N, C-alpha and C. Protein backbone atom coordinates (compact mmCIF):
# COMPACT_ATOMS: atom_id res chain seq x y z
N UNK A 1 0.99 -1.22 0.18
CA UNK A 1 -0.23 0.00 -0.39
C UNK A 1 0.86 1.39 -0.16
N UNK A 2 0.61 1.99 -0.65
CA UNK A 2 1.50 3.07 -1.07
C UNK A 2 0.98 4.64 0.27
N UNK A 3 1.66 5.16 0.23
CA UNK A 3 1.69 6.66 1.21
C UNK A 3 0.44 6.83 0.71
N UNK A 4 0.25 7.44 -0.65
CA UNK A 4 -0.94 8.48 -0.74
C UNK A 4 -1.99 7.68 -0.55
N UNK A 5 -2.03 6.30 -0.81
CA UNK A 5 -3.38 5.57 -1.02
C UNK A 5 -3.81 5.19 0.54
N UNK A 6 -2.79 5.70 1.89
CA UNK A 6 -3.07 5.87 3.25
C UNK A 6 -3.43 6.59 3.88
N UNK A 7 -3.43 8.25 2.45
CA UNK A 7 -4.11 9.19 2.93
C UNK A 7 -2.65 10.31 3.58
N UNK A 8 -1.35 9.75 3.25
CA UNK A 8 -0.02 10.36 3.58
C UNK A 8 1.04 10.56 2.40
N UNK A 9 0.59 12.04 2.19
CA UNK A 9 1.28 12.37 1.31
C UNK A 9 2.60 12.98 1.35
N UNK A 10 3.91 13.07 1.20
CA UNK A 10 5.16 14.29 1.78
C UNK A 10 5.10 14.91 1.08
N UNK A 11 5.30 16.11 2.11
CA UNK A 11 5.00 17.56 1.16
C UNK A 11 6.93 17.85 0.06
N UNK A 12 7.48 17.03 0.51
CA UNK A 12 8.51 16.70 -0.13
C UNK A 12 8.57 15.99 -1.33
N UNK A 13 7.92 15.08 -1.35
CA UNK A 13 7.81 14.00 -2.83
C UNK A 13 6.76 14.74 -3.49
N UNK A 14 5.67 15.57 -2.78
CA UNK A 14 4.19 15.75 -3.65
C UNK A 14 4.88 16.54 -4.42
N UNK A 15 5.83 17.28 -4.78
CA UNK A 15 6.24 18.16 -5.89
C UNK A 15 6.91 17.60 -6.96
N UNK A 16 7.30 16.72 -6.75
CA UNK A 16 8.19 15.95 -7.71
C UNK A 16 7.76 15.02 -8.52
N UNK A 17 8.06 15.05 -9.56
CA UNK A 17 7.51 13.68 -10.45
C UNK A 17 9.05 13.12 -11.27
N UNK A 18 8.65 12.34 -12.07
CA UNK A 18 9.65 11.28 -12.49
C UNK A 18 10.39 12.29 -13.64
N UNK A 19 9.61 13.20 -14.33
CA UNK A 19 10.34 13.72 -15.30
C UNK A 19 10.72 15.40 -14.78
N UNK A 20 10.20 15.42 -14.04
CA UNK A 20 10.81 16.68 -12.90
C UNK A 20 12.34 16.60 -12.93
N UNK A 21 13.33 17.75 -13.08
CA UNK A 21 14.73 17.72 -12.48
C UNK A 21 14.67 17.87 -10.45
N UNK A 22 15.84 16.98 -10.04
CA UNK A 22 15.98 16.73 -8.74
C UNK A 22 15.99 18.65 -8.21
N UNK A 23 15.41 18.69 -7.01
CA UNK A 23 15.55 20.30 -6.85
C UNK A 23 16.76 20.92 -6.59
N UNK A 24 17.15 22.00 -6.53
CA UNK A 24 18.38 22.51 -6.13
C UNK A 24 18.89 22.47 -4.99
N UNK A 25 20.10 22.51 -4.51
CA UNK A 25 20.73 22.54 -3.38
C UNK A 25 19.83 24.06 -2.97
N UNK A 26 20.02 25.23 -3.35
CA UNK A 26 19.25 26.65 -3.02
C UNK A 26 17.64 26.15 -2.52
N UNK A 27 17.04 25.54 -3.33
CA UNK A 27 15.81 25.02 -2.82
C UNK A 27 15.73 24.21 -1.52
N UNK A 28 16.46 23.17 -1.96
CA UNK A 28 16.18 22.43 -0.47
C UNK A 28 16.73 22.68 0.64
N UNK A 29 18.07 23.85 0.88
CA UNK A 29 18.23 24.87 1.49
C UNK A 29 16.95 25.42 2.71
N UNK A 30 16.46 26.19 1.30
CA UNK A 30 15.26 27.03 1.78
C UNK A 30 14.09 26.45 2.23
N UNK A 31 13.63 25.11 1.54
CA UNK A 31 12.60 24.48 2.33
C UNK A 31 13.11 23.55 3.44
N UNK A 32 14.41 23.49 3.93
CA UNK A 32 14.63 22.57 4.96
C UNK A 32 15.77 23.21 5.40
N UNK A 33 16.06 24.29 5.76
CA UNK A 33 17.67 24.46 6.20
C UNK A 33 18.09 23.27 7.23
N UNK A 34 17.51 23.66 8.67
CA UNK A 34 17.92 22.34 9.34
C UNK A 34 18.43 21.58 9.39
N UNK A 35 18.03 20.85 8.12
CA UNK A 35 18.09 19.74 8.01
C UNK A 35 19.07 19.61 7.19
N UNK A 36 19.63 20.40 5.85
CA UNK A 36 20.62 20.85 5.64
C UNK A 36 21.77 21.30 6.12
N UNK A 37 21.93 21.93 7.60
CA UNK A 37 22.97 22.40 7.89
C UNK A 37 23.80 21.33 8.81
N UNK A 38 22.90 20.19 9.32
CA UNK A 38 22.81 18.95 9.91
C UNK A 38 23.71 18.27 9.21
N UNK A 39 23.33 17.69 7.85
CA UNK A 39 24.03 17.24 6.93
C UNK A 39 25.82 17.77 6.74
N UNK A 40 25.35 19.24 6.60
CA UNK A 40 26.72 20.10 6.40
C UNK A 40 27.62 19.52 7.53
N UNK A 41 27.00 19.56 8.67
CA UNK A 41 27.86 19.24 10.02
C UNK A 41 28.54 17.84 9.91
N UNK A 42 27.36 16.77 9.68
CA UNK A 42 27.97 15.50 9.74
C UNK A 42 28.72 15.41 8.66
N UNK A 43 29.25 15.90 7.25
CA UNK A 43 30.00 15.53 6.69
C UNK A 43 31.18 16.86 6.49
N UNK A 44 31.26 17.17 7.23
CA UNK A 44 32.28 18.84 7.25
C UNK A 44 33.38 18.19 8.14
N UNK A 45 33.51 17.42 8.46
CA UNK A 45 34.33 16.63 9.68
C UNK A 45 35.24 15.29 8.75
N UNK A 46 34.95 15.04 7.25
CA UNK A 46 34.88 13.92 6.51
C UNK A 46 34.60 12.59 6.26
N UNK A 47 33.77 12.45 7.22
CA UNK A 47 32.77 11.46 7.48
C UNK A 47 32.35 11.08 5.67
N UNK A 48 32.16 10.15 5.18
CA UNK A 48 31.39 9.26 3.96
C UNK A 48 30.06 8.95 3.94
N UNK A 49 29.36 8.04 2.96
CA UNK A 49 28.32 7.64 3.02
C UNK A 49 28.32 6.33 4.14
N UNK A 50 29.11 5.89 3.94
CA UNK A 50 29.32 4.73 4.45
C UNK A 50 29.56 4.72 6.09
N UNK A 51 30.08 5.72 6.36
CA UNK A 51 29.92 6.33 8.15
C UNK A 51 28.20 6.35 8.43
N UNK A 52 27.54 6.94 7.35
CA UNK A 52 26.36 7.44 7.75
C UNK A 52 25.61 6.10 8.14
N UNK A 53 25.87 5.33 7.17
CA UNK A 53 25.09 3.79 7.02
C UNK A 53 25.47 3.24 8.38
N UNK A 54 26.77 3.22 8.54
CA UNK A 54 27.09 2.93 9.91
C UNK A 54 26.36 3.25 10.92
N UNK A 55 26.17 4.85 11.17
CA UNK A 55 25.78 5.31 12.26
C UNK A 55 24.40 5.17 12.75
N UNK A 56 23.92 5.03 10.99
CA UNK A 56 22.17 5.31 11.20
C UNK A 56 21.85 3.26 11.93
N UNK A 57 22.58 2.20 11.37
CA UNK A 57 22.77 1.17 11.67
C UNK A 57 22.85 0.95 13.51
N UNK A 58 23.48 1.57 13.70
CA UNK A 58 24.57 1.51 15.22
C UNK A 58 22.72 2.48 16.01
N UNK A 59 22.48 3.30 15.80
CA UNK A 59 21.49 4.05 16.32
C UNK A 59 20.45 3.00 16.26
N UNK A 60 19.98 2.49 15.50
CA UNK A 60 19.12 1.40 14.85
C UNK A 60 18.90 -0.11 16.10
N UNK A 61 19.96 -0.24 15.73
CA UNK A 61 20.45 -1.70 16.64
C UNK A 61 20.82 -0.99 18.15
N UNK A 62 20.86 0.28 18.53
CA UNK A 62 21.04 0.75 20.00
C UNK A 62 19.23 0.70 20.64
N UNK A 63 18.99 0.68 19.80
CA UNK A 63 17.30 1.28 20.25
C UNK A 63 16.27 0.10 20.16
N UNK A 64 16.92 -0.88 19.58
CA UNK A 64 15.97 -2.29 19.06
C UNK A 64 15.48 -2.62 20.19
N UNK A 65 14.61 -2.98 20.58
CA UNK A 65 13.90 -3.95 21.94
C UNK A 65 13.88 -5.35 21.82
N UNK A 66 14.75 -5.99 22.54
CA UNK A 66 14.29 -7.73 22.26
C UNK A 66 13.11 -8.26 22.97
N UNK A 67 12.84 -9.38 21.42
CA UNK A 67 11.48 -10.14 21.35
C UNK A 67 11.45 -10.68 22.42
N UNK A 68 10.33 -11.21 22.96
CA UNK A 68 10.08 -11.87 24.15
C UNK A 68 10.01 -13.04 23.00
N UNK A 69 10.37 -14.37 24.47
CA UNK A 69 10.41 -15.61 23.93
C UNK A 69 8.94 -16.34 23.30
């Protein structure tokens, strides 16, 4: 079931289509300033996409609750 068929449509994805070019960094910065700043800070220390994957996996696994028997 897609998000739109459940009544939820992301405002970020709503304005995009497969034929539309991706938004510019300036447009994203205007729409999502806090997110863009966080991304810049994260990667400014020399981190790469592999680091982001590892850090995200650690956060997910650290917050996981054990499944009761």
